[in-house]
Amino acid sequence: MEHIQRLRELASWYRGLAEGTENPSIRQDRLRTADFLEREASCSELAFASPTVKLRAWGVQPLS
């Protein structure tokens, strides 16, 4: 689970870099990288989640 936290830290770092960048193309690339890292963290987190959490993430209401 440590790698999930690291991915989120890197995403935050890339967003910070994007804020200080004047070149719009570079800013967009950094924001895309941050979004990718955040999605990777979310996917990894979901991979370790319980079946109930996975169902809810997919919009399925588990049976009681």
PDB file of N, CA and C in Angstrom:
ATOM      1  N   MET A   1       0.817  -1.205   0.000  1.00  0.00           N
ATOM      2  CA  MET A   1       0.000   0.000   0.000  1.00  0.00           C
ATOM      3  C   MET A   1       0.862   1.271   0.000  1.00  0.00           C
ATOM      4  N   GLU A   2       2.127   1.095   0.323  1.00  0.00           N
ATOM      5  CA  GLU A   2       3.026   2.246   0.323  1.00  0.00           C
ATOM      6  C   GLU A   2       3.160   2.854  -1.067  1.00  0.00           C
ATOM      7  N   HIS A   3       3.122   1.999  -2.097  1.00  0.00           N
ATOM      8  CA  HIS A   3       3.263   2.522  -3.458  1.00  0.00           C
ATOM      9  C   HIS A   3       2.070   3.385  -3.862  1.00  0.00           C
ATOM     10  N   ILE A   4       0.909   3.123  -3.293  1.00  0.00           N
ATOM     11  CA  ILE A   4      -0.277   3.929  -3.593  1.00  0.00           C
ATOM     12  C   ILE A   4      -0.076   5.354  -3.078  1.00  0.00           C
ATOM     13  N   GLN A   5       0.431   5.453  -1.863  1.00  0.00           N
ATOM     14  CA  GLN A   5       0.709   6.768  -1.286  1.00  0.00           C
ATOM     15  C   GLN A   5       1.772   7.501  -2.109  1.00  0.00           C
ATOM     16  N   ARG A   6       2.771   6.772  -2.555  1.00  0.00           N
ATOM     17  CA  ARG A   6       3.846   7.374  -3.362  1.00  0.00           C
ATOM     18  C   ARG A   6       3.294   7.891  -4.699  1.00  0.00           C
ATOM     19  N   LEU A   7       2.401   7.136  -5.324  1.00  0.00           N
ATOM     20  CA  LEU A   7       1.787   7.598  -6.568  1.00  0.00           C
ATOM     21  C   LEU A   7       1.018   8.903  -6.345  1.00  0.00           C
ATOM     22  N   ARG A   8       0.309   8.984  -5.241  1.00  0.00           N
ATOM     23  CA  ARG A   8      -0.461  10.203  -4.939  1.00  0.00           C
ATOM     24  C   ARG A   8       0.467  11.383  -4.646  1.00  0.00           C
ATOM     25  N   GLU A   9       1.578  11.113  -3.974  1.00  0.00           N
ATOM     26  CA  GLU A   9       2.556  12.173  -3.721  1.00  0.00           C
ATOM     27  C   GLU A   9       3.150  12.688  -5.031  1.00  0.00           C
ATOM     28  N   LEU A  10       3.467  11.777  -5.933  1.00  0.00           N
ATOM     29  CA  LEU A  10       4.002  12.184  -7.231  1.00  0.00           C
ATOM     30  C   LEU A  10       2.974  12.977  -8.034  1.00  0.00           C
ATOM     31  N   ALA A  11       1.713  12.557  -7.972  1.00  0.00           N
ATOM     32  CA  ALA A  11       0.656  13.291  -8.671  1.00  0.00           C
ATOM     33  C   ALA A  11       0.563  14.719  -8.143  1.00  0.00           C
ATOM     34  N   SER A  12       0.633  14.860  -6.838  1.00  0.00           N
ATOM     35  CA  SER A  12       0.588  16.184  -6.229  1.00  0.00           C
ATOM     36  C   SER A  12       1.797  17.022  -6.652  1.00  0.00           C
ATOM     37  N   TRP A  13       2.952  16.399  -6.700  1.00  0.00           N
ATOM     38  CA  TRP A  13       4.172  17.082  -7.113  1.00  0.00           C
ATOM     39  C   TRP A  13       4.050  17.579  -8.556  1.00  0.00           C
ATOM     40  N   TYR A  14       3.529  16.742  -9.444  1.00  0.00           N
ATOM     41  CA  TYR A  14       3.352  17.149 -10.836  1.00  0.00           C
ATOM     42  C   TYR A  14       2.348  18.289 -10.957  1.00  0.00           C
ATOM     43  N   ARG A  15       1.306  18.278 -10.145  1.00  0.00           N
ATOM     44  CA  ARG A  15       0.336  19.384 -10.180  1.00  0.00           C
ATOM     45  C   ARG A  15       1.001  20.682  -9.745  1.00  0.00           C
ATOM     46  N   GLY A  16       1.855  20.587  -8.713  1.00  0.00           N
ATOM     47  CA  GLY A  16       2.595  21.767  -8.272  1.00  0.00           C
ATOM     48  C   GLY A  16       3.515  22.302  -9.355  1.00  0.00           C
ATOM     49  N   LEU A  17       4.176  21.400 -10.065  1.00  0.00           N
ATOM     50  CA  LEU A  17       5.035  21.824 -11.172  1.00  0.00           C
ATOM     51  C   LEU A  17       4.218  22.489 -12.271  1.00  0.00           C
ATOM     52  N   ALA A  18       3.046  21.944 -12.529  1.00  0.00           N
ATOM     53  CA  ALA A  18       2.193  22.491 -13.590  1.00  0.00           C
ATOM     54  C   ALA A  18       1.770  23.925 -13.268  1.00  0.00           C
ATOM     55  N   GLU A  19       1.492  24.188 -11.996  1.00  0.00           N
ATOM     56  CA  GLU A  19       1.051  25.531 -11.605  1.00  0.00           C
ATOM     57  C   GLU A  19       2.108  26.585 -11.892  1.00  0.00           C
ATOM     58  N   GLY A  20       3.372  26.211 -11.747  1.00  0.00           N
ATOM     59  CA  GLY A  20       4.442  27.174 -11.953  1.00  0.00           C
ATOM     60  C   GLY A  20       4.980  27.225 -13.369  1.00  0.00           C
ATOM     61  N   THR A  21       4.339  26.549 -14.288  1.00  0.00           N
ATOM     62  CA  THR A  21       4.829  26.481 -15.663  1.00  0.00           C
ATOM     63  C   THR A  21       4.058  27.456 -16.548  1.00  0.00           C
ATOM     64  N   GLU A  22       4.785  28.269 -17.287  1.00  0.00           N
ATOM     65  CA  GLU A  22       4.140  29.242 -18.170  1.00  0.00           C
ATOM     66  C   GLU A  22       3.762  28.642 -19.522  1.00  0.00           C
ATOM     67  N   ASN A  23       4.518  27.670 -19.966  1.00  0.00           N
ATOM     68  CA  ASN A  23       4.261  27.059 -21.272  1.00  0.00           C
ATOM     69  C   ASN A  23       3.008  26.177 -21.173  1.00  0.00           C
ATOM     70  N   PRO A  24       1.942  26.515 -21.906  1.00  0.00           N
ATOM     71  CA  PRO A  24       0.685  25.753 -21.806  1.00  0.00           C
ATOM     72  C   PRO A  24       0.830  24.279 -22.181  1.00  0.00           C
ATOM     73  N   SER A  25       1.677  23.981 -23.142  1.00  0.00           N
ATOM     74  CA  SER A  25       1.862  22.596 -23.568  1.00  0.00           C
ATOM     75  C   SER A  25       2.505  21.766 -22.456  1.00  0.00           C
ATOM     76  N   ILE A  26       3.514  22.318 -21.833  1.00  0.00           N
ATOM     77  CA  ILE A  26       4.181  21.615 -20.731  1.00  0.00           C
ATOM     78  C   ILE A  26       3.240  21.493 -19.538  1.00  0.00           C
ATOM     79  N   ARG A  27       2.483  22.563 -19.268  1.00  0.00           N
ATOM     80  CA  ARG A  27       1.510  22.528 -18.162  1.00  0.00           C
ATOM     81  C   ARG A  27       0.506  21.394 -18.365  1.00  0.00           C
ATOM     82  N   GLN A  28      -0.028  21.280 -19.585  1.00  0.00           N
ATOM     83  CA  GLN A  28      -0.993  20.223 -19.894  1.00  0.00           C
ATOM     84  C   GLN A  28      -0.372  18.836 -19.735  1.00  0.00           C
ATOM     85  N   ASP A  29       0.864  18.684 -20.202  1.00  0.00           N
ATOM     86  CA  ASP A  29       1.542  17.388 -20.065  1.00  0.00           C
ATOM     87  C   ASP A  29       1.708  17.006 -18.596  1.00  0.00           C
ATOM     88  N   ARG A  30       2.069  17.971 -17.785  1.00  0.00           N
ATOM     89  CA  ARG A  30       2.247  17.689 -16.354  1.00  0.00           C
ATOM     90  C   ARG A  30       0.922  17.366 -15.675  1.00  0.00           C
ATOM     91  N   LEU A  31      -0.123  18.053 -16.061  1.00  0.00           N
ATOM     92  CA  LEU A  31      -1.444  17.752 -15.498  1.00  0.00           C
ATOM     93  C   LEU A  31      -1.929  16.372 -15.942  1.00  0.00           C
ATOM     94  N   ARG A  32      -1.660  16.022 -17.189  1.00  0.00           N
ATOM     95  CA  ARG A  32      -2.019  14.679 -17.666  1.00  0.00           C
ATOM     96  C   ARG A  32      -1.255  13.604 -16.898  1.00  0.00           C
ATOM     97  N   THR A  33       0.015  13.866 -16.650  1.00  0.00           N
ATOM     98  CA  THR A  33       0.819  12.911 -15.876  1.00  0.00           C
ATOM     99  C   THR A  33       0.267  12.776 -14.467  1.00  0.00           C
ATOM    100  N   ALA A  34      -0.095  13.889 -13.847  1.00  0.00           N
ATOM    101  CA  ALA A  34      -0.673  13.854 -12.501  1.00  0.00           C
ATOM    102  C   ALA A  34      -1.983  13.068 -12.500  1.00  0.00           C
ATOM    103  N   ASP A  35      -2.824  13.287 -13.494  1.00  0.00           N
ATOM    104  CA  ASP A  35      -4.088  12.548 -13.587  1.00  0.00           C
ATOM    105  C   ASP A  35      -3.842  11.052 -13.767  1.00  0.00           C
ATOM    106  N   PHE A  36      -2.866  10.713 -14.606  1.00  0.00           N
ATOM    107  CA  PHE A  36      -2.526   9.309 -14.822  1.00  0.00           C
ATOM    108  C   PHE A  36      -2.066   8.656 -13.519  1.00  0.00           C
ATOM    109  N   LEU A  37      -1.192   9.332 -12.793  1.00  0.00           N
ATOM    110  CA  LEU A  37      -0.687   8.783 -11.532  1.00  0.00           C
ATOM    111  C   LEU A  37      -1.817   8.606 -10.514  1.00  0.00           C
ATOM    112  N   GLU A  38      -2.732   9.550 -10.470  1.00  0.00           N
ATOM    113  CA  GLU A  38      -3.867   9.454  -9.551  1.00  0.00           C
ATOM    114  C   GLU A  38      -4.762   8.283  -9.928  1.00  0.00           C
ATOM    115  N   ARG A  39      -5.003   8.090 -11.226  1.00  0.00           N
ATOM    116  CA  ARG A  39      -5.808   6.943 -11.667  1.00  0.00           C
ATOM    117  C   ARG A  39      -5.120   5.628 -11.334  1.00  0.00           C
ATOM    118  N   GLU A  40      -3.810   5.571 -11.517  1.00  0.00           N
ATOM    119  CA  GLU A  40      -3.055   4.368 -11.163  1.00  0.00           C
ATOM    120  C   GLU A  40      -3.183   4.072  -9.669  1.00  0.00           C
ATOM    121  N   ALA A  41      -3.111   5.105  -8.851  1.00  0.00           N
ATOM    122  CA  ALA A  41      -3.256   4.926  -7.403  1.00  0.00           C
ATOM    123  C   ALA A  41      -4.653   4.401  -7.076  1.00  0.00           C
ATOM    124  N   SER A  42      -5.663   4.960  -7.711  1.00  0.00           N
ATOM    125  CA  SER A  42      -7.039   4.519  -7.455  1.00  0.00           C
ATOM    126  C   SER A  42      -7.254   3.080  -7.902  1.00  0.00           C
ATOM    127  N   CYS A  43      -6.708   2.723  -9.060  1.00  0.00           N
ATOM    128  CA  CYS A  43      -6.839   1.348  -9.548  1.00  0.00           C
ATOM    129  C   CYS A  43      -6.122   0.372  -8.626  1.00  0.00           C
ATOM    130  N   SER A  44      -4.946   0.750  -8.165  1.00  0.00           N
ATOM    131  CA  SER A  44      -4.200  -0.116  -7.254  1.00  0.00           C
ATOM    132  C   SER A  44      -4.950  -0.275  -5.939  1.00  0.00           C
ATOM    133  N   GLU A  45      -5.509   0.824  -5.469  1.00  0.00           N
ATOM    134  CA  GLU A  45      -6.270   0.782  -4.220  1.00  0.00           C
ATOM    135  C   GLU A  45      -7.475  -0.142  -4.367  1.00  0.00           C
ATOM    136  N   LEU A  46      -8.143  -0.059  -5.494  1.00  0.00           N
ATOM    137  CA  LEU A  46      -9.311  -0.898  -5.746  1.00  0.00           C
ATOM    138  C   LEU A  46      -8.917  -2.369  -5.855  1.00  0.00           C
ATOM    139  N   ALA A  47      -7.736  -2.630  -6.392  1.00  0.00           N
ATOM    140  CA  ALA A  47      -7.270  -4.013  -6.525  1.00  0.00           C
ATOM    141  C   ALA A  47      -7.122  -4.684  -5.160  1.00  0.00           C
ATOM    142  N   PHE A  48      -6.806  -3.904  -4.136  1.00  0.00           N
ATOM    143  CA  PHE A  48      -6.627  -4.445  -2.790  1.00  0.00           C
ATOM    144  C   PHE A  48      -7.903  -4.366  -1.951  1.00  0.00           C
ATOM    145  N   ALA A  49      -8.963  -3.805  -2.516  1.00  0.00           N
ATOM    146  CA  ALA A  49     -10.204  -3.595  -1.775  1.00  0.00           C
ATOM    147  C   ALA A  49     -11.000  -4.891  -1.647  1.00  0.00           C
ATOM    148  N   SER A  50     -11.923  -4.866  -0.716  1.00  0.00           N
ATOM    149  CA  SER A  50     -12.819  -6.010  -0.519  1.00  0.00           C
ATOM    150  C   SER A  50     -13.801  -6.086  -1.686  1.00  0.00           C
ATOM    151  N   PRO A  51     -14.408  -7.247  -1.900  1.00  0.00           N
ATOM    152  CA  PRO A  51     -15.390  -7.375  -2.990  1.00  0.00           C
ATOM    153  C   PRO A  51     -16.538  -6.383  -2.879  1.00  0.00           C
ATOM    154  N   THR A  52     -16.994  -6.084  -1.683  1.00  0.00           N
ATOM    155  CA  THR A  52     -18.096  -5.136  -1.501  1.00  0.00           C
ATOM    156  C   THR A  52     -17.697  -3.746  -1.971  1.00  0.00           C
ATOM    157  N   VAL A  53     -16.494  -3.334  -1.623  1.00  0.00           N
ATOM    158  CA  VAL A  53     -16.008  -2.017  -2.049  1.00  0.00           C
ATOM    159  C   VAL A  53     -15.883  -1.967  -3.570  1.00  0.00           C
ATOM    160  N   LYS A  54     -15.405  -3.052  -4.171  1.00  0.00           N
ATOM    161  CA  LYS A  54     -15.278  -3.105  -5.627  1.00  0.00           C
ATOM    162  C   LYS A  54     -16.635  -2.980  -6.299  1.00  0.00           C
ATOM    163  N   LEU A  55     -17.631  -3.676  -5.788  1.00  0.00           N
ATOM    164  CA  LEU A  55     -18.964  -3.593  -6.370  1.00  0.00           C
ATOM    165  C   LEU A  55     -19.510  -2.179  -6.296  1.00  0.00           C
ATOM    166  N   ARG A  56     -19.336  -1.539  -5.158  1.00  0.00           N
ATOM    167  CA  ARG A  56     -19.826  -0.161  -5.010  1.00  0.00           C
ATOM    168  C   ARG A  56     -19.098   0.784  -5.958  1.00  0.00           C
ATOM    169  N   ALA A  57     -17.799   0.572  -6.155  1.00  0.00           N
ATOM    170  CA  ALA A  57     -17.034   1.424  -7.074  1.00  0.00           C
ATOM    171  C   ALA A  57     -17.561   1.283  -8.498  1.00  0.00           C
ATOM    172  N   TRP A  58     -18.078   0.125  -8.846  1.00  0.00           N
ATOM    173  CA  TRP A  58     -18.625  -0.110 -10.177  1.00  0.00           C
ATOM    174  C   TRP A  58     -20.109   0.248 -10.265  1.00  0.00           C
ATOM    175  N   GLY A  59     -20.660   0.779  -9.182  1.00  0.00           N
ATOM    176  CA  GLY A  59     -22.056   1.207  -9.176  1.00  0.00           C
ATOM    177  C   GLY A  59     -23.052   0.086  -8.943  1.00  0.00           C
ATOM    178  N   VAL A  60     -22.571  -1.050  -8.408  1.00  0.00           N
ATOM    179  CA  VAL A  60     -23.449  -2.189  -8.135  1.00  0.00           C
ATOM    180  C   VAL A  60     -23.728  -2.228  -6.639  1.00  0.00           C
ATOM    181  N   GLN A  61     -24.973  -2.371  -6.290  1.00  0.00           N
ATOM    182  CA  GLN A  61     -25.350  -2.479  -4.885  1.00  0.00           C
ATOM    183  C   GLN A  61     -25.281  -3.957  -4.481  1.00  0.00           C
ATOM    184  N   PRO A  62     -24.367  -4.312  -3.569  1.00  0.00           N
ATOM    185  CA  PRO A  62     -24.269  -5.720  -3.167  1.00  0.00           C
ATOM    186  C   PRO A  62     -25.505  -6.190  -2.424  1.00  0.00           C
ATOM    187  N   LEU A  63     -25.785  -7.477  -2.529  1.00  0.00           N
ATOM    188  CA  LEU A  63     -26.914  -8.063  -1.818  1.00  0.00           C
ATOM    189  C   LEU A  63     -26.628  -8.097  -0.333  1.00  0.00           C
ATOM    190  N   SER A  64     -27.644  -7.880   0.470  1.00  0.00           N
ATOM    191  CA  SER A  64     -27.466  -7.912   1.927  1.00  0.00           C
ATOM    192  C   SER A  64     -27.525  -9.306   2.466  1.00  0.00           C
TER     193      SER A  64
END
